Amino acid sequence: MLVGALVLAGLAALVIDARVARWCTSAHLPSDLQSPIDWAEVFGHGAGVAILLIVVWILDPARRWAIPRLVALAYGSGMAANCVKMLVARWRPRAFDLGQGVLDSFGRLFPFGAGGSDAQSLPSAHVAVAVGLALGLGWLYPRGRVLFWVFAAMVAAQRLTHGSHFASDCFFGAAIACLMAILLLDAGPMARWFDRKEAGWKHKREFFTTETRRHGE
């Protein structure tokens, strides 16, 4: 349901992509607001995600069993988005004349990286990573769901204000992450595989914790 809604939102956003991109890249935001938006990029950046997962590992040993699934959600979403980039060429707003029609921002099919980074606007891998991470952390820490979604939205804002992506790219990136979440959290062989593995990891942790306490006594 959410995947379909995001895809439809992305298609609808094509109509206003150029106007939104012109506004976002015209430095309308005050610096006090732009700065935290810029900092939020770490929530959708590979290195930033790694740091956040290390924090979870250190501060919450009882939930270390969930780290592999969080890795799959965040990085898997980003990798899926990067695969789509190889299939459809689209110029980033910063490399495109925003006075042209939005369809002119699209290049040929199956470019496989031709044109370099400037021709890899669709979809946003940063947003895919951020939404995948937000969904994973929300699954692990339900009380923080709103906060995680705010961080993901700030990543999308950062991509828009820096001319890295059109609004539709962000919606499509989020849709990819939500699809990955369905596969890894809700249904399918991958979700069941993680369920089985995590049950074993939790059992082993409980066993070693109990043994450690006994020896300590």
N, C-alpha and C. Protein backbone atom coordinates (compact mmCIF):
# COMPACT_ATOMS: atom_id res chain seq x y z
N MET A 1 0.83 -1.21 0.00
CA MET A 1 0.00 0.00 0.00
C MET A 1 0.87 1.26 0.00
N LEU A 2 1.81 1.31 0.94
CA LEU A 2 2.68 2.48 1.03
C LEU A 2 3.59 2.57 -0.19
N VAL A 3 4.06 1.42 -0.67
CA VAL A 3 4.92 1.42 -1.86
C VAL A 3 4.18 2.03 -3.04
N GLY A 4 2.95 1.58 -3.25
CA GLY A 4 2.16 2.11 -4.36
C GLY A 4 1.89 3.60 -4.21
N ALA A 5 1.61 4.04 -2.99
CA ALA A 5 1.35 5.46 -2.75
C ALA A 5 2.59 6.30 -3.07
N LEU A 6 3.76 5.80 -2.70
CA LEU A 6 5.00 6.54 -2.97
C LEU A 6 5.31 6.58 -4.47
N VAL A 7 5.05 5.48 -5.16
CA VAL A 7 5.26 5.46 -6.61
C VAL A 7 4.32 6.46 -7.28
N LEU A 8 3.06 6.47 -6.87
CA LEU A 8 2.11 7.44 -7.44
C LEU A 8 2.52 8.87 -7.12
N ALA A 9 3.02 9.09 -5.89
CA ALA A 9 3.49 10.43 -5.52
C ALA A 9 4.68 10.83 -6.39
N GLY A 10 5.56 9.87 -6.68
CA GLY A 10 6.70 10.16 -7.55
C GLY A 10 6.26 10.52 -8.95
N LEU A 11 5.29 9.79 -9.48
CA LEU A 11 4.78 10.10 -10.82
C LEU A 11 4.11 11.46 -10.85
N ALA A 12 3.33 11.76 -9.80
CA ALA A 12 2.67 13.06 -9.73
C ALA A 12 3.68 14.19 -9.60
N ALA A 13 4.77 13.93 -8.87
CA ALA A 13 5.79 14.97 -8.65
C ALA A 13 6.52 15.35 -9.92
N LEU A 14 6.49 14.49 -10.93
CA LEU A 14 7.14 14.82 -12.20
C LEU A 14 6.61 16.14 -12.77
N VAL A 15 5.36 16.41 -12.50
CA VAL A 15 4.73 17.62 -13.04
C VAL A 15 5.35 18.89 -12.45
N ILE A 16 5.78 18.80 -11.20
CA ILE A 16 6.31 19.99 -10.52
C ILE A 16 7.81 19.88 -10.22
N ASP A 17 8.44 18.85 -10.73
CA ASP A 17 9.86 18.62 -10.43
C ASP A 17 10.72 19.84 -10.69
N ALA A 18 10.59 20.43 -11.87
CA ALA A 18 11.46 21.55 -12.24
C ALA A 18 11.21 22.75 -11.34
N ARG A 19 9.94 23.04 -11.04
CA ARG A 19 9.64 24.19 -10.18
C ARG A 19 10.16 23.98 -8.76
N VAL A 20 9.98 22.79 -8.25
CA VAL A 20 10.49 22.48 -6.91
C VAL A 20 12.00 22.59 -6.89
N ALA A 21 12.66 22.07 -7.92
CA ALA A 21 14.12 22.12 -7.98
C ALA A 21 14.62 23.56 -8.05
N ARG A 22 13.94 24.40 -8.82
CA ARG A 22 14.36 25.81 -8.91
C ARG A 22 14.24 26.48 -7.55
N TRP A 23 13.14 26.22 -6.84
CA TRP A 23 12.94 26.85 -5.54
C TRP A 23 13.97 26.34 -4.54
N CYS A 24 14.20 25.03 -4.53
CA CYS A 24 15.10 24.43 -3.53
C CYS A 24 16.55 24.86 -3.73
N THR A 25 16.93 25.13 -4.95
CA THR A 25 18.33 25.48 -5.22
C THR A 25 18.54 26.99 -5.25
N SER A 26 17.53 27.76 -4.89
CA SER A 26 17.65 29.23 -4.93
C SER A 26 17.98 29.84 -3.58
N ALA A 27 18.46 29.03 -2.65
CA ALA A 27 18.91 29.51 -1.33
C ALA A 27 17.81 30.27 -0.59
N HIS A 28 16.58 29.73 -0.61
CA HIS A 28 15.49 30.37 0.10
C HIS A 28 15.54 30.09 1.60
N LEU A 29 16.17 28.99 1.99
CA LEU A 29 16.17 28.61 3.40
C LEU A 29 17.21 29.40 4.18
N PRO A 30 16.88 29.86 5.38
CA PRO A 30 17.88 30.54 6.22
C PRO A 30 18.96 29.55 6.64
N SER A 31 20.15 30.07 6.88
CA SER A 31 21.29 29.20 7.19
C SER A 31 21.04 28.38 8.46
N ASP A 32 20.31 28.93 9.42
CA ASP A 32 20.05 28.19 10.65
C ASP A 32 19.20 26.94 10.40
N LEU A 33 18.43 26.94 9.32
CA LEU A 33 17.64 25.77 8.96
C LEU A 33 18.39 24.86 7.99
N GLN A 34 19.17 25.48 7.11
CA GLN A 34 19.91 24.70 6.12
C GLN A 34 21.00 23.86 6.77
N SER A 35 21.63 24.38 7.81
CA SER A 35 22.74 23.65 8.45
C SER A 35 22.31 22.30 9.00
N PRO A 36 21.24 22.21 9.82
CA PRO A 36 20.83 20.90 10.30
C PRO A 36 20.38 19.96 9.19
N ILE A 37 19.81 20.54 8.12
CA ILE A 37 19.43 19.71 6.97
C ILE A 37 20.68 19.11 6.34
N ASP A 38 21.74 19.90 6.24
CA ASP A 38 23.00 19.39 5.68
C ASP A 38 23.59 18.30 6.57
N TRP A 39 23.54 18.51 7.88
CA TRP A 39 24.10 17.51 8.80
C TRP A 39 23.33 16.20 8.73
N ALA A 40 22.04 16.27 8.41
CA ALA A 40 21.20 15.07 8.39
C ALA A 40 21.62 14.09 7.31
N GLU A 41 22.46 14.52 6.37
CA GLU A 41 22.87 13.62 5.29
C GLU A 41 23.50 12.33 5.83
N VAL A 42 24.12 12.40 7.00
CA VAL A 42 24.78 11.20 7.54
C VAL A 42 23.79 10.06 7.74
N PHE A 43 22.50 10.38 7.93
CA PHE A 43 21.49 9.35 8.13
C PHE A 43 21.24 8.55 6.85
N GLY A 44 21.65 9.12 5.71
CA GLY A 44 21.46 8.42 4.45
C GLY A 44 22.77 8.12 3.74
N HIS A 45 23.88 8.32 4.43
CA HIS A 45 25.21 8.09 3.85
C HIS A 45 25.77 6.78 4.38
N GLY A 46 26.47 6.05 3.54
CA GLY A 46 26.98 4.74 3.94
C GLY A 46 27.83 4.78 5.19
N ALA A 47 28.76 5.73 5.26
CA ALA A 47 29.64 5.83 6.43
C ALA A 47 28.85 6.25 7.66
N GLY A 48 27.90 7.17 7.47
CA GLY A 48 27.08 7.62 8.60
C GLY A 48 26.23 6.49 9.16
N VAL A 49 25.66 5.67 8.27
CA VAL A 49 24.86 4.52 8.72
C VAL A 49 25.73 3.56 9.52
N ALA A 50 26.95 3.33 9.05
CA ALA A 50 27.86 2.43 9.77
C ALA A 50 28.12 2.94 11.19
N ILE A 51 28.33 4.24 11.32
CA ILE A 51 28.57 4.82 12.64
C ILE A 51 27.35 4.63 13.54
N LEU A 52 26.15 4.88 12.99
CA LEU A 52 24.93 4.72 13.78
C LEU A 52 24.73 3.27 14.23
N LEU A 53 25.06 2.33 13.37
CA LEU A 53 24.91 0.92 13.73
C LEU A 53 25.94 0.51 14.78
N ILE A 54 27.11 1.11 14.72
CA ILE A 54 28.11 0.86 15.76
C ILE A 54 27.61 1.38 17.10
N VAL A 55 26.93 2.53 17.07
CA VAL A 55 26.34 3.08 18.30
C VAL A 55 25.32 2.11 18.88
N VAL A 56 24.46 1.56 18.02
CA VAL A 56 23.48 0.57 18.49
C VAL A 56 24.19 -0.63 19.09
N TRP A 57 25.25 -1.10 18.43
CA TRP A 57 26.01 -2.27 18.90
C TRP A 57 26.59 -2.02 20.30
N ILE A 58 27.12 -0.82 20.50
CA ILE A 58 27.79 -0.51 21.77
C ILE A 58 26.78 -0.23 22.89
N LEU A 59 25.74 0.55 22.57
CA LEU A 59 24.83 1.01 23.62
C LEU A 59 23.70 0.03 23.93
N ASP A 60 23.41 -0.87 23.03
CA ASP A 60 22.30 -1.79 23.26
C ASP A 60 22.71 -3.23 22.95
N PRO A 61 23.57 -3.82 23.78
CA PRO A 61 24.05 -5.19 23.52
C PRO A 61 22.92 -6.21 23.42
N ALA A 62 21.82 -5.98 24.12
CA ALA A 62 20.72 -6.93 24.12
C ALA A 62 20.05 -7.06 22.75
N ARG A 63 20.26 -6.06 21.88
CA ARG A 63 19.63 -6.10 20.55
C ARG A 63 20.65 -6.22 19.43
N ARG A 64 21.82 -6.70 19.74
CA ARG A 64 22.82 -6.88 18.69
C ARG A 64 22.38 -7.88 17.63
N TRP A 65 21.49 -8.77 18.01
CA TRP A 65 20.97 -9.75 17.05
C TRP A 65 20.29 -9.09 15.86
N ALA A 66 19.84 -7.84 16.02
CA ALA A 66 19.09 -7.15 14.96
C ALA A 66 20.00 -6.43 13.97
N ILE A 67 21.28 -6.30 14.29
CA ILE A 67 22.19 -5.53 13.42
C ILE A 67 22.23 -6.06 11.99
N PRO A 68 22.35 -7.37 11.76
CA PRO A 68 22.39 -7.84 10.36
C PRO A 68 21.17 -7.44 9.55
N ARG A 69 19.99 -7.48 10.17
CA ARG A 69 18.79 -7.09 9.42
C ARG A 69 18.79 -5.59 9.16
N LEU A 70 19.26 -4.79 10.11
CA LEU A 70 19.36 -3.35 9.88
C LEU A 70 20.33 -3.06 8.74
N VAL A 71 21.45 -3.77 8.70
CA VAL A 71 22.41 -3.61 7.61
C VAL A 71 21.74 -3.93 6.27
N ALA A 72 21.00 -5.03 6.23
CA ALA A 72 20.33 -5.42 4.99
C ALA A 72 19.30 -4.39 4.55
N LEU A 73 18.56 -3.83 5.51
CA LEU A 73 17.54 -2.84 5.18
C LEU A 73 18.15 -1.56 4.63
N ALA A 74 19.15 -1.03 5.31
CA ALA A 74 19.74 0.24 4.90
C ALA A 74 20.58 0.09 3.63
N TYR A 75 21.57 -0.78 3.68
CA TYR A 75 22.47 -0.92 2.54
C TYR A 75 21.80 -1.64 1.37
N GLY A 76 20.91 -2.59 1.67
CA GLY A 76 20.19 -3.27 0.60
C GLY A 76 19.31 -2.30 -0.18
N SER A 77 18.66 -1.38 0.52
CA SER A 77 17.84 -0.37 -0.16
C SER A 77 18.70 0.52 -1.05
N GLY A 78 19.86 0.92 -0.54
CA GLY A 78 20.76 1.76 -1.33
C GLY A 78 21.28 1.04 -2.56
N MET A 79 21.62 -0.24 -2.39
CA MET A 79 22.12 -1.02 -3.53
C MET A 79 21.04 -1.21 -4.58
N ALA A 80 19.80 -1.45 -4.13
CA ALA A 80 18.70 -1.61 -5.08
C ALA A 80 18.48 -0.32 -5.87
N ALA A 81 18.55 0.81 -5.18
CA ALA A 81 18.40 2.10 -5.87
C ALA A 81 19.52 2.31 -6.88
N ASN A 82 20.73 1.94 -6.52
CA ASN A 82 21.86 2.10 -7.45
C ASN A 82 21.71 1.20 -8.67
N CYS A 83 21.08 0.04 -8.49
CA CYS A 83 20.83 -0.84 -9.63
C CYS A 83 19.85 -0.20 -10.60
N VAL A 84 18.83 0.47 -10.07
CA VAL A 84 17.86 1.15 -10.93
C VAL A 84 18.54 2.28 -11.70
N LYS A 85 19.49 2.96 -11.05
CA LYS A 85 20.22 4.03 -11.73
C LYS A 85 20.89 3.54 -13.01
N MET A 86 21.31 2.27 -13.02
CA MET A 86 21.97 1.71 -14.19
C MET A 86 21.00 1.46 -15.34
N LEU A 87 19.71 1.47 -15.04
CA LEU A 87 18.70 1.15 -16.04
C LEU A 87 18.08 2.38 -16.68
N VAL A 88 18.06 3.50 -15.95
CA VAL A 88 17.42 4.73 -16.45
C VAL A 88 18.34 5.91 -16.19
N ALA A 89 18.70 6.62 -17.25
CA ALA A 89 19.54 7.81 -17.09
C ALA A 89 18.65 9.03 -16.84
N ARG A 90 19.04 9.82 -15.84
CA ARG A 90 18.35 11.09 -15.60
C ARG A 90 19.35 12.09 -15.05
N TRP A 91 19.33 13.28 -15.61
CA TRP A 91 20.26 14.31 -15.16
C TRP A 91 19.84 14.86 -13.81
N ARG A 92 20.82 15.10 -12.97
CA ARG A 92 20.54 15.74 -11.68
C ARG A 92 20.18 17.20 -11.92
N PRO A 93 19.39 17.79 -11.02
CA PRO A 93 19.01 19.21 -11.21
C PRO A 93 20.21 20.13 -11.39
N ARG A 94 21.30 19.88 -10.65
CA ARG A 94 22.47 20.76 -10.75
C ARG A 94 23.16 20.67 -12.11
N ALA A 95 22.88 19.59 -12.86
CA ALA A 95 23.51 19.40 -14.17
C ALA A 95 22.51 19.55 -15.31
N PHE A 96 21.34 20.11 -14.99
CA PHE A 96 20.26 20.18 -15.97
C PHE A 96 19.72 21.60 -16.05
N ASP A 97 19.36 22.03 -17.24
CA ASP A 97 18.74 23.34 -17.44
C ASP A 97 17.29 23.24 -17.00
N LEU A 98 16.98 23.80 -15.83
CA LEU A 98 15.64 23.68 -15.26
C LEU A 98 14.58 24.46 -16.02
N GLY A 99 15.00 25.18 -17.04
CA GLY A 99 14.04 25.86 -17.90
C GLY A 99 13.44 24.94 -18.95
N GLN A 100 14.03 23.76 -19.12
CA GLN A 100 13.53 22.80 -20.08
C GLN A 100 12.38 21.99 -19.47
N GLY A 101 11.72 21.23 -20.31
CA GLY A 101 10.67 20.35 -19.84
C GLY A 101 11.26 19.21 -19.02
N VAL A 102 10.48 18.71 -18.06
CA VAL A 102 10.99 17.70 -17.15
C VAL A 102 11.37 16.42 -17.88
N LEU A 103 10.68 16.11 -18.97
CA LEU A 103 11.01 14.89 -19.71
C LEU A 103 12.39 14.96 -20.33
N ASP A 104 12.87 16.19 -20.56
CA ASP A 104 14.22 16.35 -21.12
C ASP A 104 15.30 15.97 -20.13
N SER A 105 14.92 15.84 -18.84
CA SER A 105 15.91 15.44 -17.84
C SER A 105 16.24 13.96 -17.93
N PHE A 106 15.43 13.21 -18.66
CA PHE A 106 15.67 11.78 -18.82
C PHE A 106 16.53 11.51 -20.04
N GLY A 107 17.44 10.56 -19.90
CA GLY A 107 18.27 10.14 -21.01
C GLY A 107 17.82 8.79 -21.52
N ARG A 108 18.75 8.04 -22.06
CA ARG A 108 18.39 6.76 -22.67
C ARG A 108 18.24 5.68 -21.60
N LEU A 109 17.60 4.61 -21.99
CA LEU A 109 17.46 3.46 -21.12
C LEU A 109 18.73 2.64 -21.11
N PHE A 110 18.96 1.93 -20.05
CA PHE A 110 20.11 1.05 -19.88
C PHE A 110 21.45 1.75 -20.15
N PRO A 111 21.69 2.87 -19.47
CA PRO A 111 22.96 3.58 -19.67
C PRO A 111 24.14 2.89 -19.00
N PHE A 112 23.84 2.10 -17.95
CA PHE A 112 24.87 1.37 -17.21
C PHE A 112 26.02 2.27 -16.77
N GLY A 113 25.65 3.45 -16.25
CA GLY A 113 26.65 4.35 -15.70
C GLY A 113 27.20 5.38 -16.65
N ALA A 114 26.82 5.31 -17.92
CA ALA A 114 27.29 6.31 -18.88
C ALA A 114 26.79 7.69 -18.47
N GLY A 115 27.67 8.67 -18.54
CA GLY A 115 27.32 10.01 -18.13
C GLY A 115 27.77 10.34 -16.72
N GLY A 116 28.25 9.32 -16.01
CA GLY A 116 28.77 9.54 -14.66
C GLY A 116 27.68 9.87 -13.65
N SER A 117 28.10 10.39 -12.52
CA SER A 117 27.18 10.67 -11.43
C SER A 117 26.09 11.67 -11.82
N ASP A 118 26.41 12.65 -12.67
CA ASP A 118 25.43 13.67 -13.04
C ASP A 118 24.22 13.09 -13.76
N ALA A 119 24.37 11.91 -14.35
CA ALA A 119 23.27 11.28 -15.08
C ALA A 119 22.63 10.15 -14.26
N GLN A 120 22.82 10.18 -12.94
CA GLN A 120 22.29 9.12 -12.09
C GLN A 120 21.38 9.71 -11.00
N SER A 121 20.43 10.50 -11.42
CA SER A 121 19.53 11.15 -10.47
C SER A 121 18.41 10.24 -10.00
N LEU A 122 17.96 9.33 -10.86
CA LEU A 122 16.79 8.50 -10.56
C LEU A 122 17.21 7.08 -10.20
N PRO A 123 16.79 6.60 -9.03
CA PRO A 123 16.15 7.28 -7.90
C PRO A 123 17.22 7.77 -6.93
N SER A 124 16.81 8.33 -5.80
CA SER A 124 17.78 8.80 -4.81
C SER A 124 18.21 7.64 -3.91
N ALA A 125 19.48 7.25 -4.02
CA ALA A 125 19.99 6.17 -3.17
C ALA A 125 20.12 6.65 -1.72
N HIS A 126 20.46 7.93 -1.53
CA HIS A 126 20.55 8.47 -0.18
C HIS A 126 19.21 8.34 0.55
N VAL A 127 18.13 8.70 -0.15
CA VAL A 127 16.81 8.61 0.46
C VAL A 127 16.44 7.15 0.70
N ALA A 128 16.79 6.28 -0.24
CA ALA A 128 16.51 4.86 -0.07
C ALA A 128 17.20 4.32 1.18
N VAL A 129 18.47 4.68 1.36
CA VAL A 129 19.21 4.25 2.55
C VAL A 129 18.56 4.81 3.81
N ALA A 130 18.24 6.10 3.79
CA ALA A 130 17.67 6.76 4.98
C ALA A 130 16.32 6.15 5.37
N VAL A 131 15.46 5.91 4.38
CA VAL A 131 14.15 5.33 4.67
C VAL A 131 14.31 3.87 5.12
N GLY A 132 15.22 3.14 4.48
CA GLY A 132 15.47 1.77 4.91
C GLY A 132 15.95 1.72 6.35
N LEU A 133 16.85 2.63 6.71
CA LEU A 133 17.35 2.70 8.08
C LEU A 133 16.24 3.11 9.04
N ALA A 134 15.42 4.10 8.64
CA ALA A 134 14.32 4.55 9.48
C ALA A 134 13.33 3.43 9.75
N LEU A 135 13.03 2.65 8.73
CA LEU A 135 12.11 1.53 8.90
C LEU A 135 12.71 0.47 9.81
N GLY A 136 14.01 0.21 9.63
CA GLY A 136 14.66 -0.78 10.48
C GLY A 136 14.74 -0.35 11.93
N LEU A 137 15.15 0.89 12.16
CA LEU A 137 15.23 1.38 13.54
C LEU A 137 13.85 1.50 14.17
N GLY A 138 12.85 1.85 13.35
CA GLY A 138 11.49 1.91 13.87
C GLY A 138 10.96 0.55 14.25
N TRP A 139 11.36 -0.47 13.52
CA TRP A 139 11.01 -1.86 13.86
C TRP A 139 11.67 -2.27 15.17
N LEU A 140 12.91 -1.84 15.37
CA LEU A 140 13.66 -2.23 16.57
C LEU A 140 13.29 -1.36 17.76
N TYR A 141 13.08 -0.07 17.52
CA TYR A 141 12.73 0.88 18.58
C TYR A 141 11.44 1.62 18.20
N PRO A 142 10.29 1.01 18.41
CA PRO A 142 9.02 1.60 17.96
C PRO A 142 8.76 3.00 18.49
N ARG A 143 9.22 3.31 19.70
CA ARG A 143 8.95 4.63 20.27
C ARG A 143 9.66 5.74 19.50
N GLY A 144 10.65 5.40 18.70
CA GLY A 144 11.40 6.42 17.97
C GLY A 144 11.00 6.56 16.51
N ARG A 145 9.91 5.91 16.11
CA ARG A 145 9.54 5.90 14.69
C ARG A 145 9.39 7.30 14.10
N VAL A 146 8.70 8.18 14.80
CA VAL A 146 8.49 9.54 14.27
C VAL A 146 9.83 10.24 14.08
N LEU A 147 10.70 10.11 15.06
CA LEU A 147 12.02 10.75 14.98
C LEU A 147 12.80 10.21 13.78
N PHE A 148 12.78 8.91 13.57
CA PHE A 148 13.53 8.31 12.46
C PHE A 148 12.97 8.78 11.11
N TRP A 149 11.65 8.92 11.03
CA TRP A 149 11.06 9.41 9.79
C TRP A 149 11.41 10.88 9.56
N VAL A 150 11.52 11.65 10.62
CA VAL A 150 11.94 13.05 10.49
C VAL A 150 13.36 13.11 9.92
N PHE A 151 14.24 12.25 10.43
CA PHE A 151 15.61 12.22 9.92
C PHE A 151 15.62 11.85 8.44
N ALA A 152 14.81 10.87 8.05
CA ALA A 152 14.76 10.47 6.64
C ALA A 152 14.24 11.61 5.77
N ALA A 153 13.23 12.34 6.26
CA ALA A 153 12.71 13.48 5.51
C ALA A 153 13.77 14.58 5.37
N MET A 154 14.59 14.75 6.39
CA MET A 154 15.65 15.75 6.33
C MET A 154 16.71 15.36 5.30
N VAL A 155 16.95 14.06 5.16
CA VAL A 155 17.88 13.60 4.12
C VAL A 155 17.32 13.96 2.75
N ALA A 156 16.02 13.73 2.55
CA ALA A 156 15.40 14.11 1.27
C ALA A 156 15.53 15.62 1.03
N ALA A 157 15.32 16.41 2.07
CA ALA A 157 15.44 17.86 1.95
C ALA A 157 16.86 18.25 1.57
N GLN A 158 17.83 17.56 2.13
CA GLN A 158 19.23 17.86 1.82
C GLN A 158 19.53 17.58 0.35
N ARG A 159 18.98 16.47 -0.17
CA ARG A 159 19.22 16.13 -1.58
C ARG A 159 18.56 17.15 -2.51
N LEU A 160 17.41 17.66 -2.09
CA LEU A 160 16.71 18.64 -2.91
C LEU A 160 17.42 19.99 -2.90
N THR A 161 17.81 20.46 -1.73
CA THR A 161 18.41 21.80 -1.62
C THR A 161 19.81 21.85 -2.23
N HIS A 162 20.46 20.72 -2.38
CA HIS A 162 21.80 20.69 -2.99
C HIS A 162 21.74 20.39 -4.49
N GLY A 163 20.53 20.30 -5.03
CA GLY A 163 20.40 20.05 -6.46
C GLY A 163 20.84 18.67 -6.87
N SER A 164 20.85 17.74 -5.93
CA SER A 164 21.30 16.37 -6.23
C SER A 164 20.18 15.51 -6.80
N HIS A 165 18.93 15.85 -6.46
CA HIS A 165 17.80 15.05 -6.91
C HIS A 165 16.56 15.91 -7.09
N PHE A 166 15.67 15.43 -7.95
CA PHE A 166 14.33 15.99 -8.07
C PHE A 166 13.46 15.36 -6.99
N ALA A 167 12.31 15.97 -6.74
CA ALA A 167 11.39 15.45 -5.72
C ALA A 167 10.93 14.04 -6.08
N SER A 168 10.66 13.80 -7.35
CA SER A 168 10.21 12.46 -7.76
C SER A 168 11.27 11.40 -7.47
N ASP A 169 12.55 11.77 -7.64
CA ASP A 169 13.63 10.82 -7.33
C ASP A 169 13.57 10.38 -5.87
N CYS A 170 13.24 11.32 -4.99
CA CYS A 170 13.17 11.02 -3.56
C CYS A 170 12.00 10.09 -3.25
N PHE A 171 10.86 10.34 -3.89
CA PHE A 171 9.70 9.46 -3.67
C PHE A 171 10.00 8.04 -4.17
N PHE A 172 10.65 7.93 -5.33
CA PHE A 172 10.95 6.61 -5.86
C PHE A 172 11.99 5.89 -4.99
N GLY A 173 12.95 6.63 -4.46
CA GLY A 173 13.93 6.04 -3.56
C GLY A 173 13.27 5.51 -2.30
N ALA A 174 12.31 6.28 -1.76
CA ALA A 174 11.58 5.84 -0.57
C ALA A 174 10.75 4.61 -0.88
N ALA A 175 10.16 4.54 -2.08
CA ALA A 175 9.35 3.38 -2.46
C ALA A 175 10.21 2.12 -2.50
N ILE A 176 11.43 2.23 -3.01
CA ILE A 176 12.33 1.08 -3.05
C ILE A 176 12.63 0.59 -1.64
N ALA A 177 12.89 1.52 -0.73
CA ALA A 177 13.18 1.13 0.66
C ALA A 177 11.98 0.45 1.31
N CYS A 178 10.79 0.95 1.05
CA CYS A 178 9.59 0.34 1.63
C CYS A 178 9.37 -1.07 1.06
N LEU A 179 9.69 -1.26 -0.21
CA LEU A 179 9.59 -2.60 -0.79
C LEU A 179 10.59 -3.54 -0.14
N MET A 180 11.80 -3.04 0.10
CA MET A 180 12.81 -3.85 0.79
C MET A 180 12.34 -4.21 2.20
N ALA A 181 11.68 -3.27 2.86
CA ALA A 181 11.18 -3.53 4.22
C ALA A 181 10.12 -4.63 4.21
N ILE A 182 9.28 -4.65 3.19
CA ILE A 182 8.28 -5.71 3.08
C ILE A 182 8.98 -7.06 2.94
N LEU A 183 10.02 -7.11 2.12
CA LEU A 183 10.73 -8.36 1.89
C LEU A 183 11.53 -8.82 3.11
N LEU A 184 12.04 -7.87 3.88
CA LEU A 184 12.93 -8.21 4.99
C LEU A 184 12.24 -8.23 6.35
N LEU A 185 11.08 -7.57 6.46
CA LEU A 185 10.41 -7.50 7.76
C LEU A 185 9.08 -8.23 7.79
N ASP A 186 8.35 -8.21 6.69
CA ASP A 186 6.97 -8.67 6.72
C ASP A 186 6.73 -10.04 6.11
N ALA A 187 7.25 -10.26 4.91
CA ALA A 187 6.89 -11.48 4.20
C ALA A 187 8.04 -11.94 3.32
N GLY A 188 7.95 -13.20 2.90
CA GLY A 188 8.93 -13.72 1.98
C GLY A 188 10.03 -14.51 2.65
N PRO A 189 10.82 -15.22 1.85
CA PRO A 189 11.88 -16.09 2.39
C PRO A 189 12.96 -15.35 3.15
N MET A 190 13.29 -14.12 2.74
CA MET A 190 14.34 -13.39 3.44
C MET A 190 13.91 -13.01 4.85
N ALA A 191 12.66 -12.57 4.99
CA ALA A 191 12.15 -12.23 6.32
C ALA A 191 12.12 -13.45 7.22
N ARG A 192 11.69 -14.59 6.68
CA ARG A 192 11.64 -15.82 7.48
C ARG A 192 13.04 -16.30 7.85
N TRP A 193 14.00 -16.10 6.93
CA TRP A 193 15.38 -16.49 7.22
C TRP A 193 15.93 -15.67 8.38
N PHE A 194 15.70 -14.37 8.35
CA PHE A 194 16.15 -13.51 9.45
C PHE A 194 15.45 -13.89 10.75
N ASP A 195 14.15 -14.20 10.68
CA ASP A 195 13.42 -14.60 11.89
C ASP A 195 14.08 -15.81 12.54
N ARG A 196 14.42 -16.80 11.73
CA ARG A 196 15.04 -18.02 12.27
C ARG A 196 16.42 -17.73 12.84
N LYS A 197 17.22 -16.99 12.09
CA LYS A 197 18.58 -16.69 12.55
C LYS A 197 18.56 -15.86 13.83
N GLU A 198 17.69 -14.87 13.88
CA GLU A 198 17.64 -14.00 15.05
C GLU A 198 17.17 -14.76 16.29
N ALA A 199 16.27 -15.71 16.10
CA ALA A 199 15.84 -16.53 17.24
C ALA A 199 17.03 -17.30 17.80
N GLY A 200 17.87 -17.82 16.91
CA GLY A 200 19.06 -18.54 17.36
C GLY A 200 20.06 -17.63 18.03
N TRP A 201 20.26 -16.43 17.44
CA TRP A 201 21.22 -15.49 18.03
C TRP A 201 20.76 -15.03 19.41
N LYS A 202 19.45 -14.78 19.56
CA LYS A 202 18.94 -14.36 20.87
C LYS A 202 19.08 -15.47 21.89
N HIS A 203 18.84 -16.72 21.47
CA HIS A 203 18.97 -17.85 22.38
C HIS A 203 20.41 -18.00 22.86
N LYS A 204 21.35 -17.87 21.93
CA LYS A 204 22.77 -17.98 22.30
C LYS A 204 23.16 -16.87 23.27
N ARG A 205 22.67 -15.67 23.01
CA ARG A 205 23.01 -14.56 23.92
C ARG A 205 22.45 -14.82 25.31
N GLU A 206 21.21 -15.27 25.37
CA GLU A 206 20.60 -15.55 26.67
C GLU A 206 21.36 -16.65 27.40
N PHE A 207 21.83 -17.65 26.65
CA PHE A 207 22.58 -18.74 27.26
C PHE A 207 23.89 -18.25 27.85
N PHE A 208 24.64 -17.47 27.05
CA PHE A 208 25.93 -16.97 27.54
C PHE A 208 25.76 -15.97 28.68
N THR A 209 24.68 -15.18 28.63
CA THR A 209 24.42 -14.23 29.71
C THR A 209 24.13 -14.98 31.01
N THR A 210 23.34 -16.06 30.91
CA THR A 210 23.01 -16.86 32.09
C THR A 210 24.25 -17.53 32.66
N GLU A 211 25.09 -18.08 31.78
CA GLU A 211 26.32 -18.74 32.23
C GLU A 211 27.27 -17.75 32.90
N THR A 212 27.34 -16.56 32.33
CA THR A 212 28.24 -15.53 32.90
C THR A 212 27.77 -15.15 34.31
N ARG A 213 26.47 -15.02 34.47
CA ARG A 213 25.94 -14.68 35.79
C ARG A 213 26.21 -15.79 36.80
N ARG A 214 26.06 -17.03 36.36
CA ARG A 214 26.31 -18.15 37.27
C ARG A 214 27.75 -18.19 37.73
N HIS A 215 28.66 -17.98 36.81
CA HIS A 215 30.09 -17.97 37.16
C HIS A 215 30.41 -16.78 38.06
N GLY A 216 29.70 -15.67 37.83
CA GLY A 216 29.93 -14.49 38.66
C GLY A 216 29.47 -14.69 40.08
N GLU A 217 28.43 -15.51 40.24
CA GLU A 217 27.94 -15.79 41.60
C GLU A 217 28.89 -16.76 42.34
